[in-house]
Amino acid sequence: MKSVPNILTMTRIAVIPLLIGFIWIGSPGFRWAALAVYSFACVTDYLDGYLARYLNHQTAMGRLFDPIADKLLVGACLLELCAFDYIAGWTVLPALVILLREILVSGLREYLAEIRVGLPVSKLAKWKTSLQMISIGFLIVGDAAHSSIPALLIGEICLWMAALLTIWTGYDYLRSGLLYLSSKSPEENNLED
C-alpha cells in the first residue's frame, strides 16, 4: 500500500504519450479523450501527495519524480496546445511565463538541494497549480465543447490568472533562493554550469 504514491506518480508520466497523441489527432472525440486522460493525470497528482502524507510514506523516489511528472505534464500540454493553435495570439505569453517559471524553480531547487536547503511549496503555488490544471483542461477541449460552454475563453482567463500567480510565486521562490545565495561567502558563490 505504501508504494501506491510512487505508482501513481509513474502512471502520470506513463500516460503523457497517450495524452499527446490524443491532442495531436485533434478531432472532437479525441479532444474529449485527451481531457479524460489529462483529468486522470491531475487526479493522480492530488492522490499521490495525499496518500504519501496520509500513509506518512514520503520516499526519495516520490520527491524526485513527483515534480518531474508535474513539469512533464504541464510542459507537454502547453507546448502542444501552442503548436496546434489551441493557445494562440497573446495567450501564448502566459503559457511561456508558466514554462519559464517551472525552469526557474527547478534550477533553484537543484541548487538549494546541493546545500541541503528545501524549498517548500507555498499555498499560493498550490492555487497556481489548480488554476493551471483547470485552464489546460478547458484549453484541451476548446471548441470541441458544446456551444453553450465557452471552454476556450474560460481556459484563457484561467491561464492568465495562473500566469499572474506564477510570476508572484516565482518571485517569492527566487527571493528565497537568493537569500541563501547571498548568505554564502563570495568564493562559494562562484558556480560552474
Protein backbone atom coordinates (compact mmCIF):
# COMPACT_ATOMS: atom_id res chain seq x y z
CA MET A 1 0.00 0.00 0.00
CA LYS A 2 2.89 2.36 0.79
CA SER A 3 4.19 2.14 -2.78
CA VAL A 4 0.89 3.44 -4.21
CA PRO A 5 2.01 7.12 -4.30
CA ASN A 6 5.08 6.16 -6.36
CA ILE A 7 2.95 4.05 -8.70
CA LEU A 8 0.56 6.99 -9.20
CA THR A 9 3.46 9.32 -9.99
CA MET A 10 4.95 6.91 -12.54
CA THR A 11 1.48 6.35 -14.04
CA ARG A 12 1.16 10.11 -14.54
CA ILE A 13 4.39 10.08 -16.53
CA ALA A 14 3.33 6.97 -18.48
CA VAL A 15 0.06 8.49 -19.74
CA ILE A 16 1.71 11.61 -21.21
CA PRO A 17 2.40 10.00 -24.64
CA LEU A 18 -1.25 8.92 -24.85
CA LEU A 19 -2.39 12.43 -23.96
CA ILE A 20 -0.05 13.93 -26.55
CA GLY A 21 -1.36 11.52 -29.20
CA PHE A 22 -5.00 12.38 -28.50
CA ILE A 23 -4.34 16.13 -28.65
CA TRP A 24 -2.29 15.61 -31.82
CA ILE A 25 -5.15 13.81 -33.59
CA GLY A 26 -7.36 16.71 -32.58
CA SER A 27 -10.83 15.54 -33.61
CA PRO A 28 -13.57 16.38 -31.08
CA GLY A 29 -13.80 12.80 -29.79
CA PHE A 30 -10.05 12.61 -29.26
CA ARG A 31 -10.04 16.02 -27.56
CA TRP A 32 -12.57 14.67 -25.05
CA ALA A 33 -10.45 11.53 -24.67
CA ALA A 34 -7.42 13.77 -24.08
CA LEU A 35 -9.38 15.59 -21.38
CA ALA A 36 -10.19 12.26 -19.72
CA VAL A 37 -6.51 11.23 -19.72
CA TYR A 38 -5.46 14.67 -18.53
CA SER A 39 -8.07 14.63 -15.74
CA PHE A 40 -6.83 11.19 -14.69
CA ALA A 41 -3.28 12.55 -14.53
CA CYS A 42 -4.43 15.53 -12.44
CA VAL A 43 -6.26 13.23 -10.02
CA THR A 44 -3.15 11.06 -9.64
CA ASP A 45 -1.18 14.22 -8.85
CA TYR A 46 -3.54 15.02 -5.99
CA LEU A 47 -3.81 11.42 -4.79
CA ASP A 48 -0.11 10.63 -4.69
CA GLY A 49 0.61 13.63 -2.47
CA TYR A 50 -2.40 12.95 -0.27
CA LEU A 51 -1.56 9.27 0.15
CA ALA A 52 2.12 9.96 0.84
CA ARG A 53 1.12 12.31 3.67
CA TYR A 54 -1.71 10.08 4.93
CA LEU A 55 0.48 6.97 4.97
CA ASN A 56 3.40 9.03 6.26
CA HIS A 57 5.48 7.48 3.49
CA GLN A 58 7.38 10.09 1.52
CA THR A 59 10.14 8.44 -0.47
CA ALA A 60 13.21 9.73 -2.27
CA MET A 61 11.68 8.38 -5.48
CA GLY A 62 8.50 10.37 -4.87
CA ARG A 63 10.40 13.55 -4.03
CA LEU A 64 12.37 13.17 -7.26
CA PHE A 65 9.69 12.07 -9.71
CA ASP A 66 6.58 13.94 -8.48
CA PRO A 67 7.80 17.41 -9.54
CA ILE A 68 9.27 15.94 -12.72
CA ALA A 69 5.91 14.33 -13.58
CA ASP A 70 4.13 17.64 -12.97
CA LYS A 71 6.53 19.58 -15.17
CA LEU A 72 6.42 16.98 -17.96
CA LEU A 73 2.62 17.00 -17.94
CA VAL A 74 2.27 20.79 -17.93
CA GLY A 75 5.13 21.36 -20.37
CA ALA A 76 3.91 18.76 -22.87
CA CYS A 77 0.35 20.11 -22.79
CA LEU A 78 1.28 23.78 -23.10
CA LEU A 79 3.76 23.20 -25.92
CA GLU A 80 1.37 21.03 -27.87
CA LEU A 81 -1.59 23.35 -27.31
CA CYS A 82 0.54 26.23 -28.64
CA ALA A 83 1.76 24.16 -31.59
CA PHE A 84 -1.79 23.37 -32.69
CA ASP A 85 -3.11 26.89 -32.05
CA TYR A 86 -5.41 25.93 -29.18
CA ILE A 87 -3.36 28.58 -27.40
CA ALA A 88 -2.70 31.41 -29.83
CA GLY A 89 -2.01 35.13 -30.03
CA TRP A 90 -1.42 36.94 -26.77
CA THR A 91 -2.38 33.85 -24.77
CA VAL A 92 0.97 32.31 -25.70
CA LEU A 93 2.54 34.77 -23.22
CA PRO A 94 1.05 33.24 -20.05
CA ALA A 95 1.98 29.77 -21.33
CA LEU A 96 5.56 31.00 -21.81
CA VAL A 97 5.61 32.58 -18.33
CA ILE A 98 4.45 29.30 -16.79
CA LEU A 99 7.10 27.25 -18.62
CA LEU A 100 9.89 29.68 -17.76
CA ARG A 101 8.89 29.76 -14.09
CA GLU A 102 9.00 25.95 -13.99
CA ILE A 103 12.57 26.05 -15.30
CA LEU A 104 13.50 28.75 -12.77
CA VAL A 105 12.07 26.87 -9.80
CA SER A 106 13.66 23.60 -10.95
CA GLY A 107 17.05 25.30 -11.11
CA LEU A 108 16.57 26.86 -7.69
CA ARG A 109 15.52 23.55 -6.16
CA GLU A 110 18.52 21.81 -7.70
CA TYR A 111 20.94 24.42 -6.34
CA LEU A 112 19.32 24.52 -2.90
CA ALA A 113 19.31 20.73 -2.69
CA GLU A 114 23.10 20.77 -3.12
CA ILE A 115 23.40 22.93 0.00
CA ARG A 116 20.73 20.86 1.76
CA VAL A 117 18.03 23.53 1.82
CA GLY A 118 14.43 22.68 0.96
CA LEU A 119 12.13 25.00 -0.95
CA PRO A 120 8.63 24.13 0.29
CA VAL A 121 5.57 24.64 -1.88
CA SER A 122 3.52 27.64 -0.77
CA LYS A 123 -0.28 27.77 -0.57
CA LEU A 124 -0.26 30.36 -3.34
CA ALA A 125 1.73 27.97 -5.54
CA LYS A 126 -0.94 25.33 -4.93
CA TRP A 127 -3.60 27.79 -6.10
CA LYS A 128 -1.45 28.49 -9.15
CA THR A 129 -1.24 24.79 -9.89
CA SER A 130 -5.01 24.37 -9.54
CA LEU A 131 -5.74 27.27 -11.92
CA GLN A 132 -3.15 25.92 -14.34
CA MET A 133 -4.74 22.46 -14.32
CA ILE A 134 -8.24 23.88 -14.85
CA SER A 135 -7.09 26.14 -17.67
CA ILE A 136 -5.26 23.36 -19.52
CA GLY A 137 -8.31 21.11 -19.23
CA PHE A 138 -10.58 23.73 -20.80
CA LEU A 139 -8.00 24.51 -23.49
CA ILE A 140 -7.67 20.82 -24.40
CA VAL A 141 -11.40 20.62 -25.09
CA GLY A 142 -11.53 24.08 -26.68
CA ASP A 143 -14.04 24.36 -29.49
CA ALA A 144 -14.99 20.69 -29.15
CA ALA A 145 -17.11 21.75 -26.16
CA HIS A 146 -20.84 22.40 -26.51
CA SER A 147 -21.52 25.87 -27.89
CA SER A 148 -23.09 26.92 -24.58
CA ILE A 149 -19.75 26.35 -22.80
CA PRO A 150 -17.08 28.94 -23.72
CA ALA A 151 -14.27 26.48 -22.99
CA LEU A 152 -11.55 28.43 -24.81
CA LEU A 153 -12.46 31.67 -23.06
CA ILE A 154 -12.56 30.00 -19.63
CA GLY A 155 -9.24 28.29 -20.35
CA GLU A 156 -7.59 31.51 -21.48
CA ILE A 157 -8.84 33.51 -18.47
CA CYS A 158 -7.65 30.81 -16.07
CA LEU A 159 -4.30 30.63 -17.88
CA TRP A 160 -3.78 34.39 -17.49
CA MET A 161 -4.72 34.16 -13.81
CA ALA A 162 -2.34 31.22 -13.35
CA ALA A 163 0.42 33.22 -15.07
CA LEU A 164 -0.06 36.13 -12.65
CA LEU A 165 0.22 33.75 -9.70
CA THR A 166 3.18 32.13 -11.47
CA ILE A 167 5.03 35.46 -11.56
CA TRP A 168 4.22 36.13 -7.92
CA THR A 169 5.25 32.69 -6.65
CA GLY A 170 8.26 32.58 -8.96
CA TYR A 171 9.44 35.88 -7.47
CA ASP A 172 8.94 34.52 -3.93
CA TYR A 173 10.96 31.39 -4.74
CA LEU A 174 13.69 33.42 -6.43
CA ARG A 175 13.89 35.82 -3.48
CA SER A 176 14.16 32.88 -1.06
CA GLY A 177 16.87 31.27 -3.18
CA LEU A 178 18.86 34.50 -3.43
CA LEU A 179 18.79 34.87 0.35
CA TYR A 180 20.63 31.55 0.64
CA LEU A 181 23.00 32.51 -2.15
CA SER A 182 23.86 35.87 -0.56
CA SER A 183 24.45 34.24 2.83
CA LYS A 184 27.39 32.26 1.42
CA SER A 185 30.91 33.60 1.02
CA PRO A 186 31.95 35.14 -2.35
CA GLU A 187 34.19 32.12 -3.10
CA GLU A 188 31.25 29.75 -2.61
CA ASN A 189 29.08 31.84 -4.96
CA ASN A 190 31.32 31.10 -7.96
CA LEU A 191 29.17 28.44 -9.63
CA GLU A 192 30.00 26.46 -12.74
CA ASP A 193 27.49 25.26 -15.32
